Every structure is written in C-alpha cells, then in structure tokens.
C-alpha cells in the first residue's frame, strides 16, 4: 500500500463533492477516518475500471 500525505478533506453532500488534499476524488466506495495518538489517518478504497480493445483474435 502506498502511503500519501493527508492534508485536508472536504465533503459536501448537497453538492456531491469529495475533495482530498484539494483534489476531486471520484469512485470512492469506502472511507475510514481515524484519530489515534494525536494523528489523523484516512483510508480510502477507489473503484477503477480498465478497458481495452484488440483487433486480433486472442490465442490460448
């Protein structure tokens, strides 16, 4: 798991906005915010879709 710096979070349910470190976040399915021993941590799970096409037949 890659660790990144957590600076800020903004959630506006009315506007359907979620920003993490001033970056719009989409496709987040799980968010866990914790505070332990004077430290904030945020864990998120993002759903990403990868698609591809080919013009040749696949061989097995």
N, C-alpha and C. Protein backbone atom coordinates (compact mmCIF):
# COMPACT_ATOMS: atom_id res chain seq x y z
N UNK A 1 0.85 -1.18 0.00
CA UNK A 1 0.00 0.00 0.00
C UNK A 1 0.89 1.24 0.00
N UNK A 2 0.59 2.15 -0.87
CA UNK A 2 1.35 3.40 -0.97
C UNK A 2 0.83 4.39 0.07
N UNK A 3 1.73 4.97 0.84
CA UNK A 3 1.34 5.97 1.84
C UNK A 3 1.51 7.36 1.24
N UNK A 4 0.46 8.17 1.37
CA UNK A 4 0.49 9.54 0.86
C UNK A 4 0.19 10.51 2.01
N UNK A 5 0.59 11.76 1.84
CA UNK A 5 0.35 12.77 2.86
C UNK A 5 -1.13 13.15 2.91
N UNK A 6 -1.68 13.25 4.12
CA UNK A 6 -3.06 13.67 4.32
C UNK A 6 -3.04 15.09 4.87
N UNK A 7 -3.52 16.04 4.07
CA UNK A 7 -3.52 17.45 4.48
C UNK A 7 -4.93 17.98 4.74
N UNK A 8 -5.90 17.59 3.91
CA UNK A 8 -7.25 18.13 4.08
C UNK A 8 -8.28 17.23 3.43
N UNK A 9 -9.51 17.35 3.92
CA UNK A 9 -10.63 16.62 3.35
C UNK A 9 -11.84 17.56 3.33
N UNK A 10 -12.61 17.49 2.27
CA UNK A 10 -13.83 18.30 2.14
C UNK A 10 -14.92 17.41 1.56
N UNK A 11 -16.04 17.32 2.28
CA UNK A 11 -17.19 16.55 1.81
C UNK A 11 -18.40 17.46 1.86
N UNK A 12 -19.06 17.64 0.71
CA UNK A 12 -20.30 18.42 0.61
C UNK A 12 -21.36 17.52 0.01
N UNK A 13 -22.23 16.99 0.84
CA UNK A 13 -23.25 16.05 0.37
C UNK A 13 -24.26 16.71 -0.55
N UNK A 14 -24.59 17.96 -0.27
CA UNK A 14 -25.56 18.68 -1.11
C UNK A 14 -25.03 18.86 -2.53
N UNK A 15 -23.76 19.22 -2.65
CA UNK A 15 -23.15 19.44 -3.98
C UNK A 15 -22.55 18.15 -4.55
N UNK A 16 -22.56 17.07 -3.76
CA UNK A 16 -21.98 15.79 -4.16
C UNK A 16 -20.49 15.93 -4.50
N UNK A 17 -19.78 16.63 -3.60
CA UNK A 17 -18.35 16.87 -3.78
C UNK A 17 -17.55 16.15 -2.71
N UNK A 18 -16.46 15.55 -3.10
CA UNK A 18 -15.50 14.96 -2.17
C UNK A 18 -14.11 15.33 -2.68
N UNK A 19 -13.38 16.08 -1.86
CA UNK A 19 -12.04 16.51 -2.23
C UNK A 19 -11.07 16.06 -1.15
N UNK A 20 -9.96 15.51 -1.59
CA UNK A 20 -8.90 15.08 -0.70
C UNK A 20 -7.64 15.83 -1.09
N UNK A 21 -7.08 16.60 -0.14
CA UNK A 21 -5.91 17.46 -0.42
C UNK A 21 -6.19 18.37 -1.61
N UNK A 22 -7.41 18.91 -1.67
CA UNK A 22 -7.87 19.82 -2.73
C UNK A 22 -7.96 19.18 -4.10
N UNK A 23 -7.96 17.85 -4.17
CA UNK A 23 -8.09 17.13 -5.43
C UNK A 23 -9.44 16.41 -5.44
N UNK A 24 -10.26 16.65 -6.48
CA UNK A 24 -11.55 15.95 -6.56
C UNK A 24 -11.34 14.44 -6.62
N UNK A 25 -12.10 13.72 -5.82
CA UNK A 25 -12.00 12.26 -5.79
C UNK A 25 -13.32 11.68 -6.28
N UNK A 26 -13.24 10.77 -7.21
CA UNK A 26 -14.42 10.08 -7.71
C UNK A 26 -14.27 8.60 -7.49
N UNK A 27 -15.36 7.90 -7.55
CA UNK A 27 -15.36 6.43 -7.46
C UNK A 27 -14.83 5.90 -6.14
N UNK A 28 -14.96 6.65 -5.06
CA UNK A 28 -14.54 6.16 -3.75
C UNK A 28 -15.70 5.38 -3.15
N UNK A 29 -15.44 4.11 -2.78
CA UNK A 29 -16.51 3.28 -2.24
C UNK A 29 -16.41 3.10 -0.73
N UNK A 30 -15.22 3.31 -0.17
CA UNK A 30 -15.03 3.17 1.28
C UNK A 30 -14.13 4.30 1.77
N UNK A 31 -14.50 4.90 2.90
CA UNK A 31 -13.71 5.96 3.50
C UNK A 31 -13.67 5.69 5.01
N UNK A 32 -12.47 5.65 5.59
CA UNK A 32 -12.32 5.42 7.03
C UNK A 32 -11.38 6.47 7.60
N UNK A 33 -11.91 7.35 8.43
CA UNK A 33 -11.14 8.42 9.05
C UNK A 33 -10.93 8.06 10.52
N UNK A 34 -9.67 8.05 10.96
CA UNK A 34 -9.36 7.70 12.35
C UNK A 34 -8.43 8.74 12.97
N UNK A 35 -8.52 8.85 14.29
CA UNK A 35 -7.64 9.71 15.07
C UNK A 35 -7.09 8.88 16.22
N UNK A 36 -5.77 8.70 16.24
CA UNK A 36 -5.15 7.87 17.26
C UNK A 36 -3.81 8.47 17.66
N UNK A 37 -3.60 8.62 18.95
CA UNK A 37 -2.33 9.15 19.48
C UNK A 37 -1.93 10.48 18.83
N UNK A 38 -2.91 11.36 18.65
CA UNK A 38 -2.63 12.69 18.10
C UNK A 38 -2.41 12.72 16.61
N UNK A 39 -2.74 11.63 15.90
CA UNK A 39 -2.51 11.54 14.45
C UNK A 39 -3.79 11.17 13.72
N UNK A 40 -4.08 11.90 12.65
CA UNK A 40 -5.21 11.58 11.77
C UNK A 40 -4.73 10.66 10.66
N UNK A 41 -5.58 9.69 10.33
CA UNK A 41 -5.32 8.79 9.21
C UNK A 41 -6.59 8.65 8.40
N UNK A 42 -6.44 8.54 7.11
CA UNK A 42 -7.58 8.37 6.22
C UNK A 42 -7.28 7.23 5.27
N UNK A 43 -8.16 6.24 5.26
CA UNK A 43 -8.05 5.12 4.33
C UNK A 43 -9.20 5.21 3.36
N UNK A 44 -8.90 5.10 2.05
CA UNK A 44 -9.97 5.09 1.06
C UNK A 44 -9.80 3.89 0.13
N UNK A 45 -10.91 3.45 -0.41
CA UNK A 45 -10.92 2.43 -1.44
C UNK A 45 -11.56 3.04 -2.67
N UNK A 46 -10.83 2.99 -3.77
CA UNK A 46 -11.34 3.56 -5.03
C UNK A 46 -11.62 2.44 -6.02
N UNK A 47 -12.73 2.59 -6.72
CA UNK A 47 -13.08 1.67 -7.79
C UNK A 47 -12.61 2.26 -9.11
N UNK A 48 -11.79 1.51 -9.83
CA UNK A 48 -11.28 1.97 -11.12
C UNK A 48 -11.58 0.91 -12.17
N UNK A 49 -11.93 1.35 -13.35
CA UNK A 49 -12.27 0.46 -14.45
C UNK A 49 -11.22 0.60 -15.54
N UNK A 50 -10.68 -0.53 -15.96
CA UNK A 50 -9.72 -0.56 -17.05
C UNK A 50 -10.35 -1.35 -18.19
N UNK A 51 -10.33 -0.81 -19.39
CA UNK A 51 -10.87 -1.49 -20.56
C UNK A 51 -9.84 -1.46 -21.68
N UNK A 52 -9.95 -2.40 -22.55
CA UNK A 52 -9.05 -2.43 -23.70
C UNK A 52 -9.72 -3.12 -24.86
N UNK A 53 -9.25 -2.85 -26.04
CA UNK A 53 -9.77 -3.49 -27.24
C UNK A 53 -8.59 -4.03 -28.03
N UNK A 54 -8.89 -4.98 -28.88
CA UNK A 54 -7.87 -5.55 -29.74
C UNK A 54 -8.47 -5.81 -31.11
N UNK A 55 -7.63 -5.79 -32.12
CA UNK A 55 -8.13 -6.06 -33.47
C UNK A 55 -7.75 -7.44 -33.93
N UNK A 56 -7.06 -8.20 -33.07
CA UNK A 56 -6.69 -9.57 -33.44
C UNK A 56 -7.32 -10.55 -32.48
N UNK A 57 -7.44 -11.80 -32.91
CA UNK A 57 -8.02 -12.84 -32.07
C UNK A 57 -7.00 -13.25 -30.99
N UNK A 58 -7.51 -13.51 -29.82
CA UNK A 58 -6.63 -13.97 -28.74
C UNK A 58 -6.36 -15.46 -28.92
N UNK A 59 -5.14 -15.87 -28.58
CA UNK A 59 -4.78 -17.29 -28.64
C UNK A 59 -4.58 -17.80 -27.23
N UNK A 60 -4.98 -19.03 -27.05
CA UNK A 60 -4.86 -19.65 -25.73
C UNK A 60 -3.85 -20.75 -25.76
